[in-house]
Amino acid sequence: MDFSDINQLPSTLQTVVKYQHLSTGQSLFHRNEEVRTLYAVKSGQIRLLHYTKSGQSISHYAIYSGEICAEIALFLDAYTCSAIAEEPTQLLIFPKQEFLSTLRQYPDFAIAFMKQLSYRLHTTKVMVELRSIRSAQERVLHYLRLIVPPEKNTIVLVQPLKNIAADLSISPEVLSRTLTQLVSDGAIAREKRRITLLES
């Protein structure tokens, strides 16, 4: 389900939805802010992250077009992380209580919501697995193996390298050097954003 398509939403949400636009780098909310609303990304991309006391950012994951943002906030009084726009982003805004009531009233909508949560849980598990690999080279190779289509050996990277680097918890510079090294080692062939795995 595309949660940003108002025509797919139950009438209880269609009547209360509002819209918001963020520019690149603009914050949507901060950790510990009171929860009043949930969001769906209409276009663009939101990244959830946490800041340490020293100011270092720790990436959680990205929210893409059609997805709900900050769903855990349904059951909490405050946001547990911060959210920023990684590119110009348009959002739908839903009041928290109306969203909860809609889940109770519309079983099909609730199932679609649970489906997205299940997919996000799986994706997060994969990210934890990737970030546990100490070698940047092995981490990047494992990532490429995961995203390459079944029975294929070529992938076109859709996301900017800086976003992929954030997902892998490495710097964009390390990702760039690692890709270059993988080409040099004969593990991959690369033509701009098109990457072919050469491993047997």
C-alpha atoms as a PDB file:
ATOM      1  CA  MET A   1       0.000   0.000   0.000  1.00  0.00           C
ATOM      2  CA  ASP A   2       1.163   3.522  -0.796  1.00  0.00           C
ATOM      3  CA  PHE A   3       0.472   5.421   2.422  1.00  0.00           C
ATOM      4  CA  SER A   4       1.171   8.713   0.650  1.00  0.00           C
ATOM      5  CA  ASP A   5      -1.639   8.219  -1.894  1.00  0.00           C
ATOM      6  CA  ILE A   6      -4.626   9.917  -0.326  1.00  0.00           C
ATOM      7  CA  ASN A   7      -7.007   7.934  -2.546  1.00  0.00           C
ATOM      8  CA  GLN A   8      -5.825   4.698  -0.903  1.00  0.00           C
ATOM      9  CA  LEU A   9      -6.428   5.981   2.611  1.00  0.00           C
ATOM     10  CA  PRO A  10      -9.576   5.426   4.666  1.00  0.00           C
ATOM     11  CA  SER A  11     -11.931   8.400   4.767  1.00  0.00           C
ATOM     12  CA  THR A  12     -11.105   9.040   8.436  1.00  0.00           C
ATOM     13  CA  LEU A  13      -7.560  10.005   7.415  1.00  0.00           C
ATOM     14  CA  GLN A  14      -8.457  11.736   4.162  1.00  0.00           C
ATOM     15  CA  THR A  15     -10.434  14.338   6.093  1.00  0.00           C
ATOM     16  CA  VAL A  16      -7.663  15.196   8.584  1.00  0.00           C
ATOM     17  CA  VAL A  17      -4.473  14.897   6.516  1.00  0.00           C
ATOM     18  CA  LYS A  18      -2.196  17.916   6.109  1.00  0.00           C
ATOM     19  CA  TYR A  19       0.952  18.449   4.052  1.00  0.00           C
ATOM     20  CA  GLN A  20       4.482  19.621   4.786  1.00  0.00           C
ATOM     21  CA  HIS A  21       7.518  20.306   2.613  1.00  0.00           C
ATOM     22  CA  LEU A  22      11.123  20.046   3.808  1.00  0.00           C
ATOM     23  CA  SER A  23      14.273  21.212   2.079  1.00  0.00           C
ATOM     24  CA  THR A  24      17.471  19.146   2.076  1.00  0.00           C
ATOM     25  CA  GLY A  25      18.924  18.915   5.582  1.00  0.00           C
ATOM     26  CA  GLN A  26      15.826  20.285   7.308  1.00  0.00           C
ATOM     27  CA  SER A  27      14.662  18.510  10.455  1.00  0.00           C
ATOM     28  CA  LEU A  28      11.249  16.874  10.669  1.00  0.00           C
ATOM     29  CA  PHE A  29      11.434  16.195  14.399  1.00  0.00           C
ATOM     30  CA  HIS A  30      13.997  15.702  17.157  1.00  0.00           C
ATOM     31  CA  ARG A  31      14.492  13.033  19.766  1.00  0.00           C
ATOM     32  CA  ASN A  32      12.398  13.561  22.917  1.00  0.00           C
ATOM     33  CA  GLU A  33       9.947  15.922  21.209  1.00  0.00           C
ATOM     34  CA  GLU A  34       6.326  15.250  22.120  1.00  0.00           C
ATOM     35  CA  VAL A  35       4.534  12.993  19.650  1.00  0.00           C
ATOM     36  CA  ARG A  36       1.464  14.546  18.091  1.00  0.00           C
ATOM     37  CA  THR A  37       1.633  13.319  14.497  1.00  0.00           C
ATOM     38  CA  LEU A  38       2.791  10.573  12.149  1.00  0.00           C
ATOM     39  CA  TYR A  39       4.030  11.110   8.623  1.00  0.00           C
ATOM     40  CA  ALA A  40       4.005   9.461   5.214  1.00  0.00           C
ATOM     41  CA  VAL A  41       6.656  10.361   2.644  1.00  0.00           C
ATOM     42  CA  LYS A  42       5.032  11.546  -0.585  1.00  0.00           C
ATOM     43  CA  SER A  43       8.287  12.294  -2.379  1.00  0.00           C
ATOM     44  CA  GLY A  44      11.912  12.589  -1.352  1.00  0.00           C
ATOM     45  CA  GLN A  45      13.565  10.764   1.524  1.00  0.00           C
ATOM     46  CA  ILE A  46      13.765  11.004   5.311  1.00  0.00           C
ATOM     47  CA  ARG A  47      16.555   9.537   7.408  1.00  0.00           C
ATOM     48  CA  LEU A  48      16.105   8.561  11.037  1.00  0.00           C
ATOM     49  CA  LEU A  49      19.191   9.028  13.163  1.00  0.00           C
ATOM     50  CA  HIS A  50      20.535   9.649  16.638  1.00  0.00           C
ATOM     51  CA  TYR A  51      23.155  12.121  17.816  1.00  0.00           C
ATOM     52  CA  THR A  52      25.732  11.288  20.473  1.00  0.00           C
ATOM     53  CA  LYS A  53      26.767  13.817  23.115  1.00  0.00           C
ATOM     54  CA  SER A  54      29.821  14.640  21.014  1.00  0.00           C
ATOM     55  CA  GLY A  55      27.596  15.465  18.031  1.00  0.00           C
ATOM     56  CA  GLN A  56      28.318  12.358  15.974  1.00  0.00           C
ATOM     57  CA  SER A  57      25.321  11.130  13.989  1.00  0.00           C
ATOM     58  CA  ILE A  58      24.369   7.446  14.059  1.00  0.00           C
ATOM     59  CA  SER A  59      22.155   6.441  11.149  1.00  0.00           C
ATOM     60  CA  HIS A  60      19.166   4.174  11.746  1.00  0.00           C
ATOM     61  CA  TYR A  61      17.521   3.820   8.328  1.00  0.00           C
ATOM     62  CA  ALA A  62      15.849   5.793   5.542  1.00  0.00           C
ATOM     63  CA  ILE A  63      12.137   6.274   4.832  1.00  0.00           C
ATOM     64  CA  TYR A  64      11.156   6.324   1.159  1.00  0.00           C
ATOM     65  CA  SER A  65       8.177   7.439  -0.903  1.00  0.00           C
ATOM     66  CA  GLY A  66       4.950   5.691   0.093  1.00  0.00           C
ATOM     67  CA  GLU A  67       6.179   4.696   3.554  1.00  0.00           C
ATOM     68  CA  ILE A  68       5.056   5.721   7.029  1.00  0.00           C
ATOM     69  CA  CYS A  69       7.603   7.551   9.164  1.00  0.00           C
ATOM     70  CA  ALA A  70       7.928   7.283  12.967  1.00  0.00           C
ATOM     71  CA  GLU A  71       5.374   4.526  13.444  1.00  0.00           C
ATOM     72  CA  ILE A  72       6.773   3.606  16.877  1.00  0.00           C
ATOM     73  CA  ALA A  73       5.536   7.003  18.021  1.00  0.00           C
ATOM     74  CA  LEU A  74       1.998   5.614  17.951  1.00  0.00           C
ATOM     75  CA  PHE A  75       2.718   3.957  21.275  1.00  0.00           C
ATOM     76  CA  LEU A  76       5.064   6.487  22.875  1.00  0.00           C
ATOM     77  CA  ASP A  77       4.770  10.022  24.196  1.00  0.00           C
ATOM     78  CA  ALA A  78       8.024  11.242  22.615  1.00  0.00           C
ATOM     79  CA  TYR A  79      10.056  10.509  19.494  1.00  0.00           C
ATOM     80  CA  THR A  80      12.982   8.157  20.141  1.00  0.00           C
ATOM     81  CA  CYS A  81      15.246   9.591  17.420  1.00  0.00           C
ATOM     82  CA  SER A  82      15.626  12.553  15.094  1.00  0.00           C
ATOM     83  CA  ALA A  83      14.593  12.779  11.440  1.00  0.00           C
ATOM     84  CA  ILE A  84      16.028  14.895   8.636  1.00  0.00           C
ATOM     85  CA  ALA A  85      15.275  15.270   4.934  1.00  0.00           C
ATOM     86  CA  GLU A  86      18.062  13.908   2.728  1.00  0.00           C
ATOM     87  CA  GLU A  87      16.600  15.678  -0.283  1.00  0.00           C
ATOM     88  CA  PRO A  88      13.614  17.959  -0.942  1.00  0.00           C
ATOM     89  CA  THR A  89      10.745  16.027   0.618  1.00  0.00           C
ATOM     90  CA  GLN A  90       6.958  16.299   0.706  1.00  0.00           C
ATOM     91  CA  LEU A  91       5.065  14.633   3.539  1.00  0.00           C
ATOM     92  CA  LEU A  92       1.530  13.824   4.577  1.00  0.00           C
ATOM     93  CA  ILE A  93       0.807  14.549   8.245  1.00  0.00           C
ATOM     94  CA  PHE A  94      -1.648  12.472  10.284  1.00  0.00           C
ATOM     95  CA  PRO A  95      -2.794  13.253  13.832  1.00  0.00           C
ATOM     96  CA  LYS A  96      -1.685  10.426  16.089  1.00  0.00           C
ATOM     97  CA  GLN A  97      -5.061   9.654  17.676  1.00  0.00           C
ATOM     98  CA  GLU A  98      -6.919   9.643  14.352  1.00  0.00           C
ATOM     99  CA  PHE A  99      -4.343   7.255  12.902  1.00  0.00           C
ATOM    100  CA  LEU A 100      -4.759   4.882  15.850  1.00  0.00           C
ATOM    101  CA  SER A 101      -8.544   5.008  15.560  1.00  0.00           C
ATOM    102  CA  THR A 102      -8.321   4.244  11.831  1.00  0.00           C
ATOM    103  CA  LEU A 103      -6.204   1.153  12.507  1.00  0.00           C
ATOM    104  CA  ARG A 104      -8.927  -0.100  14.858  1.00  0.00           C
ATOM    105  CA  GLN A 105     -11.753   0.621  12.412  1.00  0.00           C
ATOM    106  CA  TYR A 106     -10.267  -0.646   9.126  1.00  0.00           C
ATOM    107  CA  PRO A 107      -8.759  -4.174   9.230  1.00  0.00           C
ATOM    108  CA  ASP A 108      -7.367  -3.994   5.674  1.00  0.00           C
ATOM    109  CA  PHE A 109      -5.581  -0.765   6.495  1.00  0.00           C
ATOM    110  CA  ALA A 110      -4.222  -2.287   9.700  1.00  0.00           C
ATOM    111  CA  ILE A 111      -2.918  -5.326   7.785  1.00  0.00           C
ATOM    112  CA  ALA A 112      -1.199  -3.079   5.226  1.00  0.00           C
ATOM    113  CA  PHE A 113       0.387  -1.184   8.097  1.00  0.00           C
ATOM    114  CA  MET A 114       1.606  -4.410   9.724  1.00  0.00           C
ATOM    115  CA  LYS A 115       3.007  -5.562   6.391  1.00  0.00           C
ATOM    116  CA  GLN A 116       5.138  -2.427   6.170  1.00  0.00           C
ATOM    117  CA  LEU A 117       6.316  -2.884   9.754  1.00  0.00           C
ATOM    118  CA  SER A 118       7.312  -6.492   9.033  1.00  0.00           C
ATOM    119  CA  TYR A 119       9.291  -5.448   5.964  1.00  0.00           C
ATOM    120  CA  ARG A 120      11.024  -2.682   7.923  1.00  0.00           C
ATOM    121  CA  LEU A 121      11.925  -5.116  10.706  1.00  0.00           C
ATOM    122  CA  HIS A 122      13.483  -7.454   8.147  1.00  0.00           C
ATOM    123  CA  THR A 123      15.390  -4.597   6.509  1.00  0.00           C
ATOM    124  CA  THR A 124      16.678  -3.414   9.873  1.00  0.00           C
ATOM    125  CA  LYS A 125      17.842  -6.938  10.700  1.00  0.00           C
ATOM    126  CA  VAL A 126      19.781  -6.999   7.430  1.00  0.00           C
ATOM    127  CA  MET A 127      21.389  -3.640   8.243  1.00  0.00           C
ATOM    128  CA  VAL A 128      22.459  -4.911  11.670  1.00  0.00           C
ATOM    129  CA  GLU A 129      23.983  -7.955   9.988  1.00  0.00           C
ATOM    130  CA  LEU A 130      25.875  -5.791   7.497  1.00  0.00           C
ATOM    131  CA  ARG A 131      27.181  -3.381  10.118  1.00  0.00           C
ATOM    132  CA  SER A 132      28.529  -6.284  12.177  1.00  0.00           C
ATOM    133  CA  ILE A 133      31.016  -7.113   9.392  1.00  0.00           C
ATOM    134  CA  ARG A 134      34.263  -5.401  10.386  1.00  0.00           C
ATOM    135  CA  SER A 135      35.971  -5.304   6.993  1.00  0.00           C
ATOM    136  CA  ALA A 136      34.627  -2.477   4.813  1.00  0.00           C
ATOM    137  CA  GLN A 137      35.400  -4.528   1.707  1.00  0.00           C
ATOM    138  CA  GLU A 138      33.443  -7.545   2.937  1.00  0.00           C
ATOM    139  CA  ARG A 139      30.639  -5.300   4.164  1.00  0.00           C
ATOM    140  CA  VAL A 140      30.219  -3.644   0.763  1.00  0.00           C
ATOM    141  CA  LEU A 141      30.471  -6.961  -1.088  1.00  0.00           C
ATOM    142  CA  HIS A 142      27.850  -8.517   1.170  1.00  0.00           C
ATOM    143  CA  TYR A 143      25.574  -5.529   0.586  1.00  0.00           C
ATOM    144  CA  LEU A 144      25.912  -5.882  -3.180  1.00  0.00           C
ATOM    145  CA  ARG A 145      25.163  -9.607  -2.984  1.00  0.00           C
ATOM    146  CA  LEU A 146      21.991  -8.852  -1.011  1.00  0.00           C
ATOM    147  CA  ILE A 147      20.592  -6.252  -3.396  1.00  0.00           C
ATOM    148  CA  VAL A 148      21.444  -7.920  -6.708  1.00  0.00           C
ATOM    149  CA  PRO A 149      18.272  -9.400  -8.292  1.00  0.00           C
ATOM    150  CA  PRO A 150      17.821 -13.199  -8.136  1.00  0.00           C
ATOM    151  CA  GLU A 151      19.634 -15.071 -10.916  1.00  0.00           C
ATOM    152  CA  LYS A 152      21.405 -11.841 -11.913  1.00  0.00           C
ATOM    153  CA  ASN A 153      24.865 -10.459 -11.285  1.00  0.00           C
ATOM    154  CA  THR A 154      24.314  -6.792 -12.126  1.00  0.00           C
ATOM    155  CA  ILE A 155      22.726  -4.011 -10.114  1.00  0.00           C
ATOM    156  CA  VAL A 156      22.172  -0.323 -10.832  1.00  0.00           C
ATOM    157  CA  LEU A 157      22.580   1.733  -7.672  1.00  0.00           C
ATOM    158  CA  VAL A 158      19.520   3.955  -7.308  1.00  0.00           C
ATOM    159  CA  GLN A 159      20.460   5.661  -4.059  1.00  0.00           C
ATOM    160  CA  PRO A 160      23.263   8.254  -3.886  1.00  0.00           C
ATOM    161  CA  LEU A 161      26.520   6.802  -2.572  1.00  0.00           C
ATOM    162  CA  LYS A 162      26.308   8.975   0.553  1.00  0.00           C
ATOM    163  CA  ASN A 163      22.971   7.349   1.455  1.00  0.00           C
ATOM    164  CA  ILE A 164      24.318   3.848   0.857  1.00  0.00           C
ATOM    165  CA  ALA A 165      27.334   4.717   2.993  1.00  0.00           C
ATOM    166  CA  ALA A 166      25.033   5.876   5.806  1.00  0.00           C
ATOM    167  CA  ASP A 167      23.125   2.581   5.652  1.00  0.00           C
ATOM    168  CA  LEU A 168      26.413   0.682   5.846  1.00  0.00           C
ATOM    169  CA  SER A 169      27.703   2.915   8.662  1.00  0.00           C
ATOM    170  CA  ILE A 170      30.813   3.951   6.759  1.00  0.00           C
ATOM    171  CA  SER A 171      31.813   7.309   5.306  1.00  0.00           C
ATOM    172  CA  PRO A 172      31.163   8.123   1.638  1.00  0.00           C
ATOM    173  CA  GLU A 173      34.929   8.358   1.156  1.00  0.00           C
ATOM    174  CA  VAL A 174      35.450   4.843   2.518  1.00  0.00           C
ATOM    175  CA  LEU A 175      32.666   3.509   0.298  1.00  0.00           C
ATOM    176  CA  SER A 176      34.199   5.134  -2.781  1.00  0.00           C
ATOM    177  CA  ARG A 177      37.673   3.779  -1.995  1.00  0.00           C
ATOM    178  CA  THR A 178      36.249   0.336  -1.272  1.00  0.00           C
ATOM    179  CA  LEU A 179      34.415   0.181  -4.591  1.00  0.00           C
ATOM    180  CA  THR A 180      37.612   1.216  -6.369  1.00  0.00           C
ATOM    181  CA  GLN A 181      39.552  -1.497  -4.544  1.00  0.00           C
ATOM    182  CA  LEU A 182      36.931  -4.123  -5.400  1.00  0.00           C
ATOM    183  CA  VAL A 183      37.290  -3.189  -9.067  1.00  0.00           C
ATOM    184  CA  SER A 184      41.076  -3.413  -8.780  1.00  0.00           C
ATOM    185  CA  ASP A 185      40.800  -6.832  -7.100  1.00  0.00           C
ATOM    186  CA  GLY A 186      38.552  -8.125  -9.881  1.00  0.00           C
ATOM    187  CA  ALA A 187      35.605  -8.681  -7.543  1.00  0.00           C
ATOM    188  CA  ILE A 188      33.324  -6.276  -9.403  1.00  0.00           C
ATOM    189  CA  ALA A 189      33.118  -4.312 -12.635  1.00  0.00           C
ATOM    190  CA  ARG A 190      31.769  -0.777 -12.382  1.00  0.00           C
ATOM    191  CA  GLU A 191      30.440   1.636 -14.952  1.00  0.00           C
ATOM    192  CA  LYS A 192      29.212   4.704 -13.089  1.00  0.00           C
ATOM    193  CA  ARG A 193      26.226   3.434 -11.040  1.00  0.00           C
ATOM    194  CA  ARG A 194      26.071   0.039 -12.783  1.00  0.00           C
ATOM    195  CA  ILE A 195      27.911  -2.685 -10.846  1.00  0.00           C
ATOM    196  CA  THR A 196      28.485  -6.280 -11.920  1.00  0.00           C
ATOM    197  CA  LEU A 197      29.606  -8.966  -9.480  1.00  0.00           C
ATOM    198  CA  LEU A 198      32.450 -10.983 -10.999  1.00  0.00           C
ATOM    199  CA  GLU A 199      32.802 -13.522  -8.211  1.00  0.00           C
ATOM    200  CA  SER A 200      31.914 -17.128  -8.876  1.00  0.00           C
END
